Amino acid sequence: MAIARPLGFQVIALPSVQEPKPGLLRRLFDSLLESREQHAQKTVDAYVARNGSRLTDSLEREIGERLLDGGVKFRP
């Protein structure tokens, strides 16, 4: 089976549009947010490791409650 090419078909290349580089405040905010996420992840990983290295439903619920309270204090 052959694929027919229409006569006069042209490939039009559009110029690439570069997105502007984020500003200083945006980059600062993004790095702060990423740092907080990494800290929370490390804290949760350590908490799960201290409690048997097994993520159960009750442990997941407890982590969610503690994270939503605003304080990331996982001392049993």
C-alpha atoms as a PDB file:
ATOM      1  CA  MET A   1       0.000   0.000   0.000  1.00  0.00           C
ATOM      2  CA  ALA A   2       1.452   3.332  -1.025  1.00  0.00           C
ATOM      3  CA  ILE A   3       0.784   6.608   0.680  1.00  0.00           C
ATOM      4  CA  ALA A   4      -0.034   9.370  -1.736  1.00  0.00           C
ATOM      5  CA  ARG A   5       1.548  12.775  -1.235  1.00  0.00           C
ATOM      6  CA  PRO A   6      -0.531  15.711  -2.255  1.00  0.00           C
ATOM      7  CA  LEU A   7       1.035  17.964  -4.851  1.00  0.00           C
ATOM      8  CA  GLY A   8       2.075  21.315  -3.471  1.00  0.00           C
ATOM      9  CA  PHE A   9       2.385  20.113   0.143  1.00  0.00           C
ATOM     10  CA  GLN A  10       4.926  22.268   1.941  1.00  0.00           C
ATOM     11  CA  VAL A  11       6.396  21.973   5.396  1.00  0.00           C
ATOM     12  CA  ILE A  12       6.320  25.308   7.126  1.00  0.00           C
ATOM     13  CA  ALA A  13       8.794  25.741   9.939  1.00  0.00           C
ATOM     14  CA  LEU A  14       7.610  28.106  12.607  1.00  0.00           C
ATOM     15  CA  PRO A  15      10.208  30.166  14.424  1.00  0.00           C
ATOM     16  CA  SER A  16      10.937  28.839  17.879  1.00  0.00           C
ATOM     17  CA  VAL A  17       9.513  30.935  20.666  1.00  0.00           C
ATOM     18  CA  GLN A  18      11.738  31.191  23.689  1.00  0.00           C
ATOM     19  CA  GLU A  19       9.980  31.562  26.972  1.00  0.00           C
ATOM     20  CA  PRO A  20      11.348  34.366  29.101  1.00  0.00           C
ATOM     21  CA  LYS A  21      13.632  33.410  31.952  1.00  0.00           C
ATOM     22  CA  PRO A  22      11.790  33.527  35.295  1.00  0.00           C
ATOM     23  CA  GLY A  23      12.531  36.525  37.447  1.00  0.00           C
ATOM     24  CA  LEU A  24      14.586  36.583  40.609  1.00  0.00           C
ATOM     25  CA  LEU A  25      11.621  36.339  42.985  1.00  0.00           C
ATOM     26  CA  ARG A  26      10.130  33.418  41.054  1.00  0.00           C
ATOM     27  CA  ARG A  27      13.431  31.523  41.132  1.00  0.00           C
ATOM     28  CA  LEU A  28      13.832  32.275  44.845  1.00  0.00           C
ATOM     29  CA  PHE A  29      10.299  31.086  45.588  1.00  0.00           C
ATOM     30  CA  ASP A  30      10.788  27.913  43.529  1.00  0.00           C
ATOM     31  CA  SER A  31      14.039  27.069  45.309  1.00  0.00           C
ATOM     32  CA  LEU A  32      12.453  27.703  48.714  1.00  0.00           C
ATOM     33  CA  LEU A  33       9.496  25.485  47.850  1.00  0.00           C
ATOM     34  CA  GLU A  34      11.778  22.715  46.575  1.00  0.00           C
ATOM     35  CA  SER A  35      13.887  22.915  49.734  1.00  0.00           C
ATOM     36  CA  ARG A  36      10.812  22.582  51.959  1.00  0.00           C
ATOM     37  CA  GLU A  37       9.544  19.625  49.918  1.00  0.00           C
ATOM     38  CA  GLN A  38      12.905  17.868  50.223  1.00  0.00           C
ATOM     39  CA  HIS A  39      12.982  18.481  53.984  1.00  0.00           C
ATOM     40  CA  ALA A  40       9.449  17.132  54.389  1.00  0.00           C
ATOM     41  CA  GLN A  41      10.304  14.055  52.294  1.00  0.00           C
ATOM     42  CA  LYS A  42      13.418  13.328  54.356  1.00  0.00           C
ATOM     43  CA  THR A  43      11.425  13.739  57.562  1.00  0.00           C
ATOM     44  CA  VAL A  44       8.691  11.380  56.362  1.00  0.00           C
ATOM     45  CA  ASP A  45      11.269   8.830  55.189  1.00  0.00           C
ATOM     46  CA  ALA A  46      12.975   8.875  58.584  1.00  0.00           C
ATOM     47  CA  TYR A  47       9.622   8.558  60.390  1.00  0.00           C
ATOM     48  CA  VAL A  48       8.590   5.564  58.283  1.00  0.00           C
ATOM     49  CA  ALA A  49      11.994   3.942  58.857  1.00  0.00           C
ATOM     50  CA  ARG A  50      11.625   4.388  62.642  1.00  0.00           C
ATOM     51  CA  ASN A  51       8.193   2.775  62.565  1.00  0.00           C
ATOM     52  CA  GLY A  52       9.066  -0.495  60.900  1.00  0.00           C
ATOM     53  CA  SER A  53       9.892   0.593  57.336  1.00  0.00           C
ATOM     54  CA  ARG A  54       6.390  -0.306  56.257  1.00  0.00           C
ATOM     55  CA  LEU A  55       3.879   2.288  55.119  1.00  0.00           C
ATOM     56  CA  THR A  56       0.516   1.208  56.469  1.00  0.00           C
ATOM     57  CA  ASP A  57      -2.813   2.986  56.161  1.00  0.00           C
ATOM     58  CA  SER A  58      -2.704   4.213  59.744  1.00  0.00           C
ATOM     59  CA  LEU A  59       0.887   5.449  59.378  1.00  0.00           C
ATOM     60  CA  GLU A  60       0.003   7.251  56.138  1.00  0.00           C
ATOM     61  CA  ARG A  61      -3.015   8.871  57.819  1.00  0.00           C
ATOM     62  CA  GLU A  62      -0.879   9.974  60.770  1.00  0.00           C
ATOM     63  CA  ILE A  63       1.746  11.487  58.453  1.00  0.00           C
ATOM     64  CA  GLY A  64      -0.956  13.354  56.547  1.00  0.00           C
ATOM     65  CA  GLU A  65      -2.472  14.724  59.744  1.00  0.00           C
ATOM     66  CA  ARG A  66       0.893  15.892  61.045  1.00  0.00           C
ATOM     67  CA  LEU A  67       1.847  17.527  57.768  1.00  0.00           C
ATOM     68  CA  LEU A  68      -1.494  19.315  57.514  1.00  0.00           C
ATOM     69  CA  ASP A  69      -1.129  20.659  61.054  1.00  0.00           C
ATOM     70  CA  GLY A  70       1.795  22.728  59.804  1.00  0.00           C
ATOM     71  CA  GLY A  71       4.377  21.333  62.176  1.00  0.00           C
ATOM     72  CA  VAL A  72       6.583  18.654  60.730  1.00  0.00           C
ATOM     73  CA  LYS A  73       7.508  17.147  64.062  1.00  0.00           C
ATOM     74  CA  PHE A  74       7.605  13.383  63.816  1.00  0.00           C
ATOM     75  CA  ARG A  75       8.843  12.465  67.233  1.00  0.00           C
ATOM     76  CA  PRO A  76       6.881   9.467  68.567  1.00  0.00           C
END
